[in-house]
């Protein structure tokens, strides 16, 4: 991520989520994610945040991932988020969303997995390390 603020980071990630047409009206989704984040921060510590929105703008769960080497201010205490997992969830898929977030949270709680994700040099390598991490935790 090139962003320096939470809103810029969310905008940058949501922009990547619209590429395959799975997100209708990305600007509205961004507004929903920001509104949800302002209502209750999704920063979970250890440099990780899970901003999300339940929305009619998607028909399946859509995940956008951003990584910031310098960190983006997130949460109320001036903490920095280095990994942001933006999740757009259809209104009716709450259980699937909880499974998705739970799996991601278990992955990033693991120090070795987080370090491996931080060291990835390309998006493809990041995704592969995420996949390998999920296999190791099964």
N, C-alpha and C. Protein backbone atom coordinates (compact mmCIF):
# COMPACT_ATOMS: atom_id res chain seq x y z
N UNK A 1 0.83 -1.19 0.00
CA UNK A 1 0.00 0.00 0.00
C UNK A 1 0.87 1.25 0.00
N UNK A 2 0.40 2.25 -0.70
CA UNK A 2 1.08 3.54 -0.70
C UNK A 2 0.41 4.50 0.29
N UNK A 3 -0.75 4.14 0.77
CA UNK A 3 -1.58 5.00 1.61
C UNK A 3 -0.89 5.36 2.92
N UNK A 4 -1.24 6.55 3.41
CA UNK A 4 -0.73 7.02 4.69
C UNK A 4 -1.83 7.11 5.75
N UNK A 5 -3.09 7.05 5.31
CA UNK A 5 -4.21 7.13 6.24
C UNK A 5 -5.10 5.90 6.09
N UNK A 6 -5.93 5.69 7.09
CA UNK A 6 -6.85 4.56 7.07
C UNK A 6 -7.77 4.64 5.85
N UNK A 7 -8.36 5.82 5.61
CA UNK A 7 -9.30 5.97 4.50
C UNK A 7 -8.61 5.74 3.15
N UNK A 8 -7.39 6.26 3.00
CA UNK A 8 -6.65 6.05 1.74
C UNK A 8 -6.36 4.57 1.54
N UNK A 9 -5.98 3.89 2.62
CA UNK A 9 -5.68 2.45 2.52
C UNK A 9 -6.93 1.67 2.12
N UNK A 10 -8.05 1.98 2.74
CA UNK A 10 -9.29 1.28 2.41
C UNK A 10 -9.68 1.55 0.96
N UNK A 11 -9.52 2.80 0.51
CA UNK A 11 -9.84 3.15 -0.88
C UNK A 11 -8.95 2.35 -1.85
N UNK A 12 -7.67 2.27 -1.53
CA UNK A 12 -6.72 1.54 -2.38
C UNK A 12 -7.09 0.05 -2.47
N UNK A 13 -7.45 -0.54 -1.36
CA UNK A 13 -7.79 -1.97 -1.35
C UNK A 13 -9.11 -2.22 -2.07
N UNK A 14 -10.13 -1.41 -1.78
CA UNK A 14 -11.43 -1.59 -2.44
C UNK A 14 -11.27 -1.44 -3.95
N UNK A 15 -10.40 -0.55 -4.39
CA UNK A 15 -10.16 -0.38 -5.84
C UNK A 15 -9.67 -1.69 -6.46
N UNK A 16 -8.87 -2.46 -5.73
CA UNK A 16 -8.39 -3.73 -6.28
C UNK A 16 -9.50 -4.78 -6.31
N UNK A 17 -10.50 -4.62 -5.47
CA UNK A 17 -11.59 -5.59 -5.38
C UNK A 17 -12.59 -5.47 -6.52
N UNK A 18 -12.58 -4.35 -7.21
CA UNK A 18 -13.56 -4.14 -8.28
C UNK A 18 -13.12 -4.71 -9.61
N UNK A 19 -11.87 -5.14 -9.72
CA UNK A 19 -11.30 -5.57 -10.99
C UNK A 19 -12.04 -6.67 -11.73
N UNK A 20 -12.60 -7.61 -11.03
CA UNK A 20 -13.24 -8.74 -11.71
C UNK A 20 -14.77 -8.62 -11.74
N UNK A 21 -15.28 -7.47 -11.40
CA UNK A 21 -16.72 -7.23 -11.47
C UNK A 21 -17.52 -7.83 -10.33
N UNK A 22 -16.86 -8.32 -9.28
CA UNK A 22 -17.59 -8.93 -8.17
C UNK A 22 -18.14 -7.89 -7.20
N UNK A 23 -17.65 -6.66 -7.31
CA UNK A 23 -18.13 -5.58 -6.44
C UNK A 23 -18.88 -4.58 -7.29
N UNK A 24 -20.17 -4.42 -6.99
CA UNK A 24 -20.97 -3.41 -7.67
C UNK A 24 -20.81 -2.10 -6.91
N UNK A 25 -20.57 -1.02 -7.61
CA UNK A 25 -20.47 0.31 -7.00
C UNK A 25 -19.42 0.36 -5.88
N UNK A 26 -18.14 0.27 -6.24
CA UNK A 26 -17.06 0.26 -5.25
C UNK A 26 -17.07 1.47 -4.32
N UNK A 27 -17.46 2.65 -4.82
CA UNK A 27 -17.48 3.83 -3.96
C UNK A 27 -18.48 3.66 -2.81
N UNK A 28 -19.61 3.05 -3.11
CA UNK A 28 -20.61 2.80 -2.06
C UNK A 28 -20.09 1.75 -1.07
N UNK A 29 -19.41 0.73 -1.58
CA UNK A 29 -18.84 -0.27 -0.69
C UNK A 29 -17.80 0.38 0.22
N UNK A 30 -16.96 1.23 -0.35
CA UNK A 30 -15.95 1.93 0.46
C UNK A 30 -16.63 2.71 1.58
N UNK A 31 -17.70 3.43 1.26
CA UNK A 31 -18.42 4.20 2.27
C UNK A 31 -18.97 3.28 3.37
N UNK A 32 -19.46 2.11 2.98
CA UNK A 32 -19.98 1.15 3.96
C UNK A 32 -18.86 0.62 4.87
N UNK A 33 -17.71 0.32 4.28
CA UNK A 33 -16.58 -0.18 5.07
C UNK A 33 -16.10 0.90 6.04
N UNK A 34 -15.99 2.13 5.57
CA UNK A 34 -15.55 3.23 6.43
C UNK A 34 -16.56 3.46 7.56
N UNK A 35 -17.85 3.46 7.23
CA UNK A 35 -18.88 3.66 8.26
C UNK A 35 -18.81 2.56 9.32
N UNK A 36 -18.61 1.33 8.89
CA UNK A 36 -18.50 0.20 9.83
C UNK A 36 -17.27 0.37 10.71
N UNK A 37 -16.17 0.81 10.10
CA UNK A 37 -14.92 0.99 10.84
C UNK A 37 -15.06 2.13 11.86
N UNK A 38 -15.76 3.19 11.50
CA UNK A 38 -15.95 4.30 12.42
C UNK A 38 -16.86 3.91 13.58
N UNK A 39 -17.80 3.02 13.33
CA UNK A 39 -18.69 2.55 14.40
C UNK A 39 -17.94 1.68 15.40
N UNK A 40 -17.03 0.86 14.89
CA UNK A 40 -16.26 -0.05 15.76
C UNK A 40 -15.01 -0.49 15.02
N UNK A 41 -13.86 -0.17 15.57
CA UNK A 41 -12.60 -0.51 14.91
C UNK A 41 -12.42 -2.02 14.80
N UNK A 42 -11.88 -2.45 13.67
CA UNK A 42 -11.61 -3.87 13.46
C UNK A 42 -10.12 -4.19 13.61
N UNK A 43 -9.37 -3.24 14.18
CA UNK A 43 -7.95 -3.49 14.44
C UNK A 43 -7.86 -4.53 15.55
N UNK A 44 -7.15 -5.64 15.26
CA UNK A 44 -7.10 -6.72 16.25
C UNK A 44 -5.75 -6.81 16.96
N UNK A 45 -4.87 -5.83 16.73
CA UNK A 45 -3.55 -5.88 17.34
C UNK A 45 -2.57 -6.60 16.43
N UNK A 46 -1.31 -6.61 16.85
CA UNK A 46 -0.24 -7.26 16.08
C UNK A 46 -0.15 -6.74 14.65
N UNK A 47 -0.62 -5.51 14.43
CA UNK A 47 -0.51 -4.91 13.11
C UNK A 47 -1.52 -5.40 12.09
N UNK A 48 -2.64 -5.97 12.55
CA UNK A 48 -3.62 -6.56 11.64
C UNK A 48 -5.01 -5.95 11.87
N UNK A 49 -5.71 -5.68 10.76
CA UNK A 49 -7.09 -5.19 10.83
C UNK A 49 -7.95 -5.95 9.83
N UNK A 50 -9.23 -6.09 10.17
CA UNK A 50 -10.20 -6.78 9.32
C UNK A 50 -11.39 -5.88 9.01
N UNK A 51 -11.18 -4.75 8.34
CA UNK A 51 -12.32 -3.90 7.99
C UNK A 51 -13.27 -4.66 7.07
N UNK A 52 -14.57 -4.48 7.30
CA UNK A 52 -15.54 -5.24 6.52
C UNK A 52 -16.88 -4.52 6.47
N UNK A 53 -17.74 -5.01 5.60
CA UNK A 53 -19.11 -4.51 5.53
C UNK A 53 -20.02 -5.63 5.04
N UNK A 54 -21.18 -5.73 5.65
CA UNK A 54 -22.25 -6.58 5.11
C UNK A 54 -22.97 -5.71 4.10
N UNK A 55 -23.12 -6.23 2.89
CA UNK A 55 -23.56 -5.35 1.81
C UNK A 55 -24.38 -6.08 0.75
N UNK A 56 -25.27 -5.34 0.13
CA UNK A 56 -26.02 -5.85 -1.03
C UNK A 56 -25.24 -5.62 -2.32
N UNK A 57 -24.05 -5.04 -2.21
CA UNK A 57 -23.24 -4.72 -3.39
C UNK A 57 -22.38 -5.89 -3.85
N UNK A 58 -22.44 -7.01 -3.13
CA UNK A 58 -21.72 -8.23 -3.52
C UNK A 58 -22.66 -9.42 -3.41
N UNK A 59 -22.40 -10.43 -4.23
CA UNK A 59 -23.22 -11.65 -4.18
C UNK A 59 -22.45 -12.83 -3.58
N UNK A 60 -21.18 -12.62 -3.31
CA UNK A 60 -20.35 -13.62 -2.65
C UNK A 60 -19.33 -12.87 -1.80
N UNK A 61 -18.67 -13.57 -0.90
CA UNK A 61 -17.64 -12.93 -0.08
C UNK A 61 -16.48 -12.54 -1.00
N UNK A 62 -16.07 -11.28 -0.87
CA UNK A 62 -14.95 -10.77 -1.66
C UNK A 62 -13.91 -10.24 -0.68
N UNK A 63 -12.67 -10.67 -0.87
CA UNK A 63 -11.58 -10.31 0.03
C UNK A 63 -10.56 -9.47 -0.73
N UNK A 64 -10.18 -8.35 -0.14
CA UNK A 64 -9.10 -7.52 -0.66
C UNK A 64 -8.04 -7.41 0.42
N UNK A 65 -6.79 -7.55 0.03
CA UNK A 65 -5.70 -7.55 1.02
C UNK A 65 -4.73 -6.42 0.69
N UNK A 66 -4.31 -5.72 1.74
CA UNK A 66 -3.30 -4.69 1.58
C UNK A 66 -2.22 -4.86 2.63
N UNK A 67 -0.99 -4.56 2.23
CA UNK A 67 0.13 -4.63 3.17
C UNK A 67 0.86 -3.31 3.13
N UNK A 68 1.15 -2.76 4.28
CA UNK A 68 1.87 -1.50 4.39
C UNK A 68 3.13 -1.72 5.20
N UNK A 69 4.26 -1.50 4.59
CA UNK A 69 5.53 -1.67 5.31
C UNK A 69 5.65 -0.68 6.47
N UNK A 70 5.24 0.57 6.23
CA UNK A 70 5.34 1.61 7.26
C UNK A 70 4.19 1.55 8.26
N UNK A 71 3.09 0.95 7.86
CA UNK A 71 1.92 0.89 8.71
C UNK A 71 0.98 2.06 8.45
N UNK A 72 -0.28 1.82 8.70
CA UNK A 72 -1.33 2.82 8.53
C UNK A 72 -2.00 3.00 9.89
N UNK A 73 -2.15 4.25 10.36
CA UNK A 73 -2.82 4.44 11.65
C UNK A 73 -4.21 3.80 11.66
N UNK A 74 -4.45 2.96 12.66
CA UNK A 74 -5.70 2.21 12.74
C UNK A 74 -6.07 2.05 14.20
N UNK A 75 -7.31 2.04 14.50
CA UNK A 75 -7.72 1.89 15.89
C UNK A 75 -7.60 3.21 16.62
N UNK A 76 -7.98 3.22 17.87
CA UNK A 76 -8.02 4.45 18.63
C UNK A 76 -6.73 4.85 19.31
N UNK A 77 -5.82 3.93 19.50
CA UNK A 77 -4.63 4.23 20.27
C UNK A 77 -3.40 4.58 19.46
N UNK A 78 -3.58 4.95 18.21
CA UNK A 78 -2.44 5.29 17.37
C UNK A 78 -1.67 4.08 16.87
N UNK A 79 -2.25 2.89 17.01
CA UNK A 79 -1.57 1.69 16.52
C UNK A 79 -1.49 1.72 15.01
N UNK A 80 -0.52 0.98 14.49
CA UNK A 80 -0.34 0.90 13.04
C UNK A 80 -0.74 -0.48 12.54
N UNK A 81 -1.51 -0.49 11.47
CA UNK A 81 -1.87 -1.75 10.81
C UNK A 81 -0.94 -1.95 9.62
N UNK A 82 -0.35 -3.12 9.54
CA UNK A 82 0.53 -3.47 8.43
C UNK A 82 -0.16 -4.42 7.46
N UNK A 83 -1.09 -5.20 7.96
CA UNK A 83 -1.89 -6.11 7.12
C UNK A 83 -3.36 -5.74 7.29
N UNK A 84 -4.01 -5.47 6.16
CA UNK A 84 -5.43 -5.14 6.17
C UNK A 84 -6.16 -6.12 5.26
N UNK A 85 -7.15 -6.79 5.82
CA UNK A 85 -7.97 -7.73 5.07
C UNK A 85 -9.37 -7.13 4.98
N UNK A 86 -9.70 -6.52 3.84
CA UNK A 86 -11.02 -5.91 3.65
C UNK A 86 -11.96 -6.98 3.12
N UNK A 87 -13.08 -7.15 3.81
CA UNK A 87 -14.01 -8.22 3.45
C UNK A 87 -15.39 -7.62 3.17
N UNK A 88 -15.90 -7.90 1.98
CA UNK A 88 -17.27 -7.52 1.62
C UNK A 88 -18.12 -8.78 1.69
N UNK A 89 -19.20 -8.70 2.44
CA UNK A 89 -20.01 -9.89 2.74
C UNK A 89 -21.46 -9.67 2.33
N UNK A 90 -22.03 -10.58 1.55
CA UNK A 90 -23.47 -10.47 1.28
C UNK A 90 -24.26 -10.56 2.59
N UNK A 91 -25.38 -9.86 2.64
CA UNK A 91 -26.20 -9.81 3.86
C UNK A 91 -26.50 -11.19 4.44
N UNK A 92 -26.77 -12.16 3.57
CA UNK A 92 -27.22 -13.48 4.03
C UNK A 92 -26.09 -14.45 4.35
N UNK A 93 -24.84 -14.05 4.22
CA UNK A 93 -23.73 -15.00 4.40
C UNK A 93 -22.94 -14.76 5.68
N UNK A 94 -23.62 -14.47 6.76
CA UNK A 94 -22.94 -14.15 8.02
C UNK A 94 -22.11 -15.32 8.52
N UNK A 95 -22.64 -16.52 8.49
CA UNK A 95 -21.90 -17.68 8.99
C UNK A 95 -20.63 -17.90 8.17
N UNK A 96 -20.73 -17.80 6.85
CA UNK A 96 -19.55 -17.97 6.00
C UNK A 96 -18.51 -16.89 6.29
N UNK A 97 -18.99 -15.68 6.54
CA UNK A 97 -18.08 -14.58 6.89
C UNK A 97 -17.33 -14.90 8.18
N UNK A 98 -18.04 -15.38 9.19
CA UNK A 98 -17.40 -15.70 10.47
C UNK A 98 -16.35 -16.79 10.30
N UNK A 99 -16.62 -17.77 9.47
CA UNK A 99 -15.64 -18.83 9.18
C UNK A 99 -14.41 -18.22 8.51
N UNK A 100 -14.62 -17.35 7.54
CA UNK A 100 -13.53 -16.69 6.80
C UNK A 100 -12.65 -15.87 7.74
N UNK A 101 -13.28 -15.01 8.55
CA UNK A 101 -12.52 -14.17 9.47
C UNK A 101 -11.80 -15.01 10.51
N UNK A 102 -12.46 -16.04 11.00
CA UNK A 102 -11.82 -16.91 11.98
C UNK A 102 -10.56 -17.57 11.43
N UNK A 103 -10.64 -18.05 10.21
CA UNK A 103 -9.47 -18.68 9.58
C UNK A 103 -8.34 -17.68 9.38
N UNK A 104 -8.68 -16.49 8.89
CA UNK A 104 -7.65 -15.46 8.69
C UNK A 104 -7.04 -15.03 10.02
N UNK A 105 -7.87 -14.87 11.03
CA UNK A 105 -7.37 -14.45 12.34
C UNK A 105 -6.41 -15.49 12.92
N UNK A 106 -6.75 -16.77 12.79
CA UNK A 106 -5.84 -17.82 13.27
C UNK A 106 -4.50 -17.75 12.53
N UNK A 107 -4.55 -17.49 11.24
CA UNK A 107 -3.32 -17.40 10.45
C UNK A 107 -2.43 -16.27 10.93
N UNK A 108 -3.00 -15.08 11.07
CA UNK A 108 -2.16 -13.92 11.38
C UNK A 108 -1.79 -13.83 12.85
N UNK A 109 -2.41 -14.63 13.70
CA UNK A 109 -1.97 -14.71 15.10
C UNK A 109 -0.64 -15.45 15.20
N UNK A 110 -0.35 -16.28 14.22
CA UNK A 110 0.89 -17.05 14.21
C UNK A 110 2.04 -16.15 13.77
N UNK A 111 3.03 -15.96 14.65
CA UNK A 111 4.14 -15.05 14.36
C UNK A 111 4.90 -15.44 13.10
N UNK A 112 5.12 -16.73 12.90
CA UNK A 112 5.87 -17.18 11.72
C UNK A 112 5.11 -16.89 10.43
N UNK A 113 3.81 -17.11 10.45
CA UNK A 113 3.01 -16.83 9.25
C UNK A 113 3.01 -15.34 8.95
N UNK A 114 2.83 -14.52 10.02
CA UNK A 114 2.84 -13.07 9.80
C UNK A 114 4.18 -12.61 9.24
N UNK A 115 5.28 -13.15 9.75
CA UNK A 115 6.60 -12.79 9.25
C UNK A 115 6.76 -13.22 7.80
N UNK A 116 6.28 -14.41 7.46
CA UNK A 116 6.37 -14.89 6.07
C UNK A 116 5.57 -13.98 5.14
N UNK A 117 4.39 -13.55 5.57
CA UNK A 117 3.58 -12.64 4.75
C UNK A 117 4.29 -11.31 4.57
N UNK A 118 4.93 -10.84 5.63
CA UNK A 118 5.63 -9.56 5.56
C UNK A 118 6.82 -9.62 4.61
N UNK A 119 7.44 -10.78 4.49
CA UNK A 119 8.62 -10.93 3.64
C UNK A 119 8.30 -11.21 2.18
N UNK A 120 7.05 -11.50 1.86
CA UNK A 120 6.67 -11.78 0.47
C UNK A 120 6.97 -10.56 -0.40
N UNK A 121 7.50 -10.81 -1.59
CA UNK A 121 7.90 -9.70 -2.46
C UNK A 121 6.93 -9.43 -3.61
N UNK A 122 5.99 -10.35 -3.85
CA UNK A 122 4.99 -10.15 -4.91
C UNK A 122 3.62 -10.55 -4.37
N UNK A 123 2.55 -10.07 -4.99
CA UNK A 123 1.22 -10.51 -4.57
C UNK A 123 1.05 -12.03 -4.66
N UNK A 124 1.57 -12.63 -5.71
CA UNK A 124 1.44 -14.09 -5.87
C UNK A 124 2.16 -14.82 -4.74
N UNK A 125 3.33 -14.33 -4.37
CA UNK A 125 4.08 -14.95 -3.26
C UNK A 125 3.31 -14.78 -1.94
N UNK A 126 2.71 -13.61 -1.74
CA UNK A 126 1.91 -13.36 -0.54
C UNK A 126 0.77 -14.37 -0.45
N UNK A 127 0.03 -14.54 -1.54
CA UNK A 127 -1.10 -15.47 -1.56
C UNK A 127 -0.62 -16.90 -1.32
N UNK A 128 0.49 -17.26 -1.91
CA UNK A 128 1.03 -18.61 -1.70
C UNK A 128 1.41 -18.82 -0.23
N UNK A 129 2.03 -17.82 0.38
CA UNK A 129 2.40 -17.95 1.79
C UNK A 129 1.16 -18.00 2.69
N UNK A 130 0.14 -17.29 2.30
CA UNK A 130 -1.13 -17.34 3.03
C UNK A 130 -1.73 -18.75 2.92
N UNK A 131 -1.68 -19.32 1.72
CA UNK A 131 -2.19 -20.67 1.50
C UNK A 131 -1.39 -21.70 2.30
N UNK A 132 -0.06 -21.60 2.24
CA UNK A 132 0.80 -22.54 2.98
C UNK A 132 0.55 -22.41 4.48
N UNK A 133 0.41 -21.18 4.96
CA UNK A 133 0.12 -20.98 6.38
C UNK A 133 -1.17 -21.63 6.79
N UNK A 134 -2.18 -21.55 5.93
CA UNK A 134 -3.47 -22.16 6.27
C UNK A 134 -3.36 -23.68 6.31
N UNK A 135 -2.54 -24.25 5.45
CA UNK A 135 -2.35 -25.70 5.46
C UNK A 135 -1.62 -26.15 6.72
N UNK A 136 -0.66 -25.35 7.17
CA UNK A 136 0.11 -25.70 8.36
C UNK A 136 -0.74 -25.66 9.63
N UNK A 137 -1.76 -24.81 9.64
CA UNK A 137 -2.59 -24.68 10.83
C UNK A 137 -3.75 -25.66 10.87
N UNK A 138 -3.95 -26.44 9.81
CA UNK A 138 -5.07 -27.40 9.79
C UNK A 138 -4.80 -28.57 10.70
